[in-house]
Amino acid sequence: MEEIKEITPAEVKEKLERGEKLNIVDVREDEEVALGMIPGAKHIKMGDIPDRLEEFDRNEEYIFVCRSGRRSENVCRYLQERGYRVRNMTGGMLEWEGETVPKQ
């Protein structure tokens, strides 16, 4: 099985500060994202991913985020096995030191 690519919260923050357009997907539950999300992230709960595959483009790379990095790693594995380009944000929101915004 191919290894899941990873990115640190600090790397995500740096890319956002440089103005890079990132496809960030937060897979936490509603009550978790109510506490704040990374600006520009899209919220799709982990359990909803299989039913929403049409929202992902195989030509784009997606960064997946959860609370600690475990659920997002599972989502990455699932999508990578289906041919999507993915990266897991290690440490999740527990290690995020950037700005957060309320769910849009």
N, C-alpha and C. Protein backbone atom coordinates (compact mmCIF):
# COMPACT_ATOMS: atom_id res chain seq x y z
N MET A 1 0.84 -1.19 0.00
CA MET A 1 0.00 0.00 0.00
C MET A 1 0.89 1.25 0.00
N GLU A 2 0.55 2.18 -0.86
CA GLU A 2 1.33 3.42 -0.97
C GLU A 2 1.16 4.26 0.30
N GLU A 3 2.24 4.88 0.71
CA GLU A 3 2.21 5.69 1.91
C GLU A 3 1.40 6.96 1.69
N ILE A 4 0.74 7.42 2.74
CA ILE A 4 -0.04 8.65 2.67
C ILE A 4 0.90 9.84 2.81
N LYS A 5 0.81 10.80 1.90
CA LYS A 5 1.61 12.02 2.01
C LYS A 5 1.09 12.82 3.19
N GLU A 6 2.02 13.49 3.86
CA GLU A 6 1.63 14.28 5.04
C GLU A 6 2.07 15.72 4.86
N ILE A 7 1.41 16.59 5.62
CA ILE A 7 1.78 18.00 5.67
C ILE A 7 1.54 18.44 7.11
N THR A 8 2.41 19.27 7.64
CA THR A 8 2.24 19.72 9.03
C THR A 8 1.32 20.93 9.09
N PRO A 9 0.71 21.18 10.25
CA PRO A 9 -0.10 22.39 10.40
C PRO A 9 0.72 23.65 10.09
N ALA A 10 1.99 23.68 10.49
CA ALA A 10 2.83 24.85 10.21
C ALA A 10 3.01 25.06 8.71
N GLU A 11 3.18 23.97 7.95
CA GLU A 11 3.33 24.07 6.50
C GLU A 11 2.04 24.59 5.85
N VAL A 12 0.89 24.10 6.33
CA VAL A 12 -0.39 24.58 5.80
C VAL A 12 -0.53 26.08 6.07
N LYS A 13 -0.22 26.48 7.29
CA LYS A 13 -0.31 27.90 7.68
C LYS A 13 0.58 28.75 6.79
N GLU A 14 1.84 28.32 6.56
CA GLU A 14 2.76 29.06 5.70
C GLU A 14 2.22 29.21 4.28
N LYS A 15 1.70 28.12 3.73
CA LYS A 15 1.15 28.16 2.37
C LYS A 15 -0.02 29.14 2.28
N LEU A 16 -0.90 29.12 3.28
CA LEU A 16 -2.04 30.04 3.29
C LEU A 16 -1.56 31.49 3.41
N GLU A 17 -0.55 31.71 4.24
CA GLU A 17 -0.02 33.07 4.41
C GLU A 17 0.63 33.58 3.13
N ARG A 18 1.17 32.68 2.31
CA ARG A 18 1.76 33.06 1.02
C ARG A 18 0.69 33.25 -0.05
N GLY A 19 -0.55 32.95 0.30
CA GLY A 19 -1.64 33.14 -0.65
C GLY A 19 -1.88 31.97 -1.58
N GLU A 20 -1.28 30.81 -1.27
CA GLU A 20 -1.52 29.63 -2.10
C GLU A 20 -2.96 29.17 -1.94
N LYS A 21 -3.54 28.71 -3.06
CA LYS A 21 -4.90 28.19 -3.00
C LYS A 21 -4.81 26.71 -2.64
N LEU A 22 -5.37 26.36 -1.49
CA LEU A 22 -5.34 24.98 -1.02
C LEU A 22 -6.76 24.43 -0.96
N ASN A 23 -6.89 23.15 -1.24
CA ASN A 23 -8.17 22.46 -1.08
C ASN A 23 -8.12 21.74 0.26
N ILE A 24 -8.60 22.42 1.30
CA ILE A 24 -8.58 21.85 2.64
C ILE A 24 -9.97 21.33 2.96
N VAL A 25 -10.05 20.08 3.41
CA VAL A 25 -11.32 19.47 3.75
C VAL A 25 -11.26 19.03 5.22
N ASP A 26 -12.18 19.57 6.01
CA ASP A 26 -12.27 19.26 7.44
C ASP A 26 -13.30 18.14 7.59
N VAL A 27 -12.87 17.00 8.11
CA VAL A 27 -13.75 15.83 8.19
C VAL A 27 -14.32 15.60 9.60
N ARG A 28 -14.19 16.62 10.47
CA ARG A 28 -14.71 16.48 11.83
C ARG A 28 -16.24 16.56 11.85
N GLU A 29 -16.81 16.23 12.99
CA GLU A 29 -18.26 16.29 13.18
C GLU A 29 -18.71 17.75 13.37
N ASP A 30 -20.02 17.99 13.22
CA ASP A 30 -20.57 19.34 13.31
C ASP A 30 -20.17 20.07 14.58
N GLU A 31 -20.28 19.36 15.73
CA GLU A 31 -19.98 20.03 17.00
C GLU A 31 -18.50 20.40 17.12
N GLU A 32 -17.63 19.68 16.40
CA GLU A 32 -16.21 20.00 16.42
C GLU A 32 -15.90 21.22 15.55
N VAL A 33 -16.48 21.28 14.37
CA VAL A 33 -16.20 22.43 13.49
C VAL A 33 -16.85 23.70 14.03
N ALA A 34 -17.85 23.55 14.89
CA ALA A 34 -18.47 24.72 15.51
C ALA A 34 -17.45 25.50 16.35
N LEU A 35 -16.39 24.82 16.78
CA LEU A 35 -15.34 25.47 17.58
C LEU A 35 -14.36 26.25 16.71
N GLY A 36 -14.48 26.11 15.39
CA GLY A 36 -13.61 26.86 14.49
C GLY A 36 -12.94 25.96 13.47
N MET A 37 -12.78 26.52 12.27
CA MET A 37 -12.16 25.80 11.16
C MET A 37 -11.03 26.64 10.58
N ILE A 38 -10.15 26.00 9.82
CA ILE A 38 -9.12 26.73 9.09
C ILE A 38 -9.84 27.57 8.03
N PRO A 39 -9.48 28.86 7.90
CA PRO A 39 -10.13 29.70 6.89
C PRO A 39 -10.04 29.08 5.50
N GLY A 40 -11.17 29.03 4.81
CA GLY A 40 -11.22 28.49 3.45
C GLY A 40 -11.45 27.00 3.37
N ALA A 41 -11.44 26.31 4.53
CA ALA A 41 -11.66 24.86 4.51
C ALA A 41 -13.12 24.55 4.20
N LYS A 42 -13.31 23.39 3.61
CA LYS A 42 -14.66 22.89 3.32
C LYS A 42 -14.97 21.80 4.34
N HIS A 43 -16.18 21.79 4.86
CA HIS A 43 -16.55 20.79 5.86
C HIS A 43 -17.33 19.65 5.20
N ILE A 44 -16.75 18.45 5.24
CA ILE A 44 -17.46 17.24 4.82
C ILE A 44 -17.15 16.20 5.89
N LYS A 45 -18.14 15.81 6.66
CA LYS A 45 -17.92 14.84 7.72
C LYS A 45 -17.35 13.54 7.14
N MET A 46 -16.49 12.89 7.92
CA MET A 46 -15.84 11.66 7.48
C MET A 46 -16.85 10.66 6.92
N GLY A 47 -17.94 10.45 7.62
CA GLY A 47 -18.93 9.47 7.19
C GLY A 47 -19.65 9.83 5.90
N ASP A 48 -19.57 11.11 5.49
CA ASP A 48 -20.25 11.55 4.27
C ASP A 48 -19.36 11.46 3.03
N ILE A 49 -18.06 11.26 3.22
CA ILE A 49 -17.11 11.26 2.09
C ILE A 49 -17.52 10.28 0.98
N PRO A 50 -17.83 9.00 1.29
CA PRO A 50 -18.16 8.06 0.20
C PRO A 50 -19.34 8.52 -0.66
N ASP A 51 -20.29 9.24 -0.08
CA ASP A 51 -21.46 9.70 -0.82
C ASP A 51 -21.22 11.01 -1.56
N ARG A 52 -20.04 11.62 -1.36
CA ARG A 52 -19.78 12.94 -1.95
C ARG A 52 -18.53 12.94 -2.83
N LEU A 53 -18.17 11.77 -3.34
CA LEU A 53 -16.96 11.68 -4.17
C LEU A 53 -17.01 12.57 -5.40
N GLU A 54 -18.20 12.86 -5.90
CA GLU A 54 -18.32 13.70 -7.10
C GLU A 54 -17.83 15.13 -6.84
N GLU A 55 -17.65 15.50 -5.58
CA GLU A 55 -17.16 16.84 -5.25
C GLU A 55 -15.64 16.95 -5.34
N PHE A 56 -14.97 15.82 -5.57
CA PHE A 56 -13.51 15.81 -5.63
C PHE A 56 -13.05 15.61 -7.07
N ASP A 57 -11.99 16.32 -7.44
CA ASP A 57 -11.40 16.27 -8.78
C ASP A 57 -10.07 15.52 -8.67
N ARG A 58 -9.91 14.47 -9.46
CA ARG A 58 -8.67 13.68 -9.38
C ARG A 58 -7.43 14.46 -9.82
N ASN A 59 -7.64 15.61 -10.49
CA ASN A 59 -6.51 16.44 -10.92
C ASN A 59 -6.05 17.42 -9.84
N GLU A 60 -6.81 17.53 -8.77
CA GLU A 60 -6.49 18.45 -7.68
C GLU A 60 -5.94 17.66 -6.50
N GLU A 61 -5.18 18.35 -5.64
CA GLU A 61 -4.72 17.73 -4.40
C GLU A 61 -5.55 18.29 -3.25
N TYR A 62 -5.90 17.42 -2.32
CA TYR A 62 -6.71 17.80 -1.16
C TYR A 62 -5.95 17.53 0.13
N ILE A 63 -6.07 18.47 1.05
CA ILE A 63 -5.49 18.32 2.38
C ILE A 63 -6.63 18.04 3.34
N PHE A 64 -6.54 16.92 4.05
CA PHE A 64 -7.61 16.53 4.97
C PHE A 64 -7.20 16.78 6.41
N VAL A 65 -8.17 17.28 7.17
CA VAL A 65 -7.95 17.72 8.55
C VAL A 65 -9.01 17.12 9.46
N CYS A 66 -8.60 16.70 10.66
CA CYS A 66 -9.55 16.33 11.71
C CYS A 66 -9.01 16.87 13.03
N ARG A 67 -9.43 16.30 14.13
CA ARG A 67 -8.98 16.81 15.43
C ARG A 67 -7.51 16.48 15.68
N SER A 68 -7.13 15.21 15.45
CA SER A 68 -5.77 14.79 15.79
C SER A 68 -4.96 14.25 14.61
N GLY A 69 -5.62 14.01 13.48
CA GLY A 69 -4.93 13.46 12.30
C GLY A 69 -5.25 12.01 12.01
N ARG A 70 -5.96 11.34 12.89
CA ARG A 70 -6.26 9.92 12.70
C ARG A 70 -7.40 9.72 11.70
N ARG A 71 -8.53 10.40 11.90
CA ARG A 71 -9.65 10.23 10.97
C ARG A 71 -9.28 10.72 9.58
N SER A 72 -8.58 11.86 9.52
CA SER A 72 -8.19 12.39 8.21
C SER A 72 -7.23 11.43 7.50
N GLU A 73 -6.40 10.73 8.26
CA GLU A 73 -5.51 9.73 7.64
C GLU A 73 -6.33 8.60 7.03
N ASN A 74 -7.38 8.17 7.72
CA ASN A 74 -8.26 7.12 7.18
C ASN A 74 -8.97 7.59 5.91
N VAL A 75 -9.42 8.84 5.90
CA VAL A 75 -10.07 9.39 4.71
C VAL A 75 -9.05 9.45 3.56
N CYS A 76 -7.83 9.88 3.85
CA CYS A 76 -6.79 9.93 2.83
C CYS A 76 -6.55 8.55 2.22
N ARG A 77 -6.46 7.55 3.07
CA ARG A 77 -6.22 6.18 2.59
C ARG A 77 -7.37 5.75 1.67
N TYR A 78 -8.59 6.00 2.10
CA TYR A 78 -9.79 5.64 1.32
C TYR A 78 -9.75 6.31 -0.06
N LEU A 79 -9.48 7.61 -0.09
CA LEU A 79 -9.50 8.34 -1.35
C LEU A 79 -8.29 8.00 -2.23
N GLN A 80 -7.13 7.82 -1.61
CA GLN A 80 -5.93 7.49 -2.38
C GLN A 80 -6.12 6.16 -3.10
N GLU A 81 -6.76 5.21 -2.44
CA GLU A 81 -7.03 3.92 -3.06
C GLU A 81 -7.96 4.05 -4.27
N ARG A 82 -8.68 5.15 -4.35
CA ARG A 82 -9.60 5.40 -5.46
C ARG A 82 -9.02 6.37 -6.48
N GLY A 83 -7.73 6.66 -6.35
CA GLY A 83 -7.05 7.46 -7.36
C GLY A 83 -7.02 8.95 -7.12
N TYR A 84 -7.35 9.41 -5.92
CA TYR A 84 -7.32 10.84 -5.63
C TYR A 84 -5.97 11.23 -5.03
N ARG A 85 -5.59 12.50 -5.25
CA ARG A 85 -4.33 13.04 -4.71
C ARG A 85 -4.64 13.68 -3.36
N VAL A 86 -4.07 13.13 -2.31
CA VAL A 86 -4.42 13.56 -0.95
C VAL A 86 -3.18 13.76 -0.09
N ARG A 87 -3.37 14.56 0.96
CA ARG A 87 -2.36 14.78 1.98
C ARG A 87 -3.06 14.85 3.32
N ASN A 88 -2.46 14.27 4.33
CA ASN A 88 -3.03 14.31 5.68
C ASN A 88 -2.30 15.38 6.49
N MET A 89 -3.08 16.26 7.16
CA MET A 89 -2.47 17.25 8.05
C MET A 89 -2.20 16.57 9.39
N THR A 90 -0.93 16.28 9.65
CA THR A 90 -0.55 15.57 10.87
C THR A 90 -0.84 16.41 12.10
N GLY A 91 -1.28 15.75 13.16
CA GLY A 91 -1.55 16.46 14.40
C GLY A 91 -2.90 17.15 14.45
N GLY A 92 -3.52 17.30 13.27
CA GLY A 92 -4.87 17.87 13.20
C GLY A 92 -5.01 19.25 13.83
N MET A 93 -6.24 19.58 14.18
CA MET A 93 -6.54 20.89 14.75
C MET A 93 -5.92 21.06 16.15
N LEU A 94 -5.56 19.95 16.80
CA LEU A 94 -4.89 20.07 18.10
C LEU A 94 -3.57 20.81 17.97
N GLU A 95 -2.94 20.70 16.80
CA GLU A 95 -1.64 21.35 16.59
C GLU A 95 -1.73 22.60 15.71
N TRP A 96 -2.92 22.96 15.27
CA TRP A 96 -3.09 24.14 14.42
C TRP A 96 -2.92 25.40 15.27
N GLU A 97 -2.02 26.27 14.85
CA GLU A 97 -1.76 27.50 15.59
C GLU A 97 -2.19 28.73 14.81
N GLY A 98 -2.80 28.51 13.66
CA GLY A 98 -3.25 29.64 12.83
C GLY A 98 -4.63 30.10 13.25
N GLU A 99 -5.13 31.02 12.47
CA GLU A 99 -6.46 31.59 12.67
C GLU A 99 -7.52 30.51 12.46
N THR A 100 -8.62 30.64 13.15
CA THR A 100 -9.79 29.79 12.86
C THR A 100 -10.98 30.70 12.66
N VAL A 101 -11.93 30.20 11.90
CA VAL A 101 -13.15 30.95 11.63
C VAL A 101 -14.35 30.04 11.90
N PRO A 102 -15.50 30.64 12.17
CA PRO A 102 -16.71 29.81 12.34
C PRO A 102 -17.02 29.11 11.02
N LYS A 103 -17.70 27.98 11.12
CA LYS A 103 -18.13 27.27 9.91
C LYS A 103 -18.96 28.21 9.06
N GLN A 104 -18.65 28.23 7.77
CA GLN A 104 -19.38 29.12 6.82
C GLN A 104 -20.77 28.61 6.55
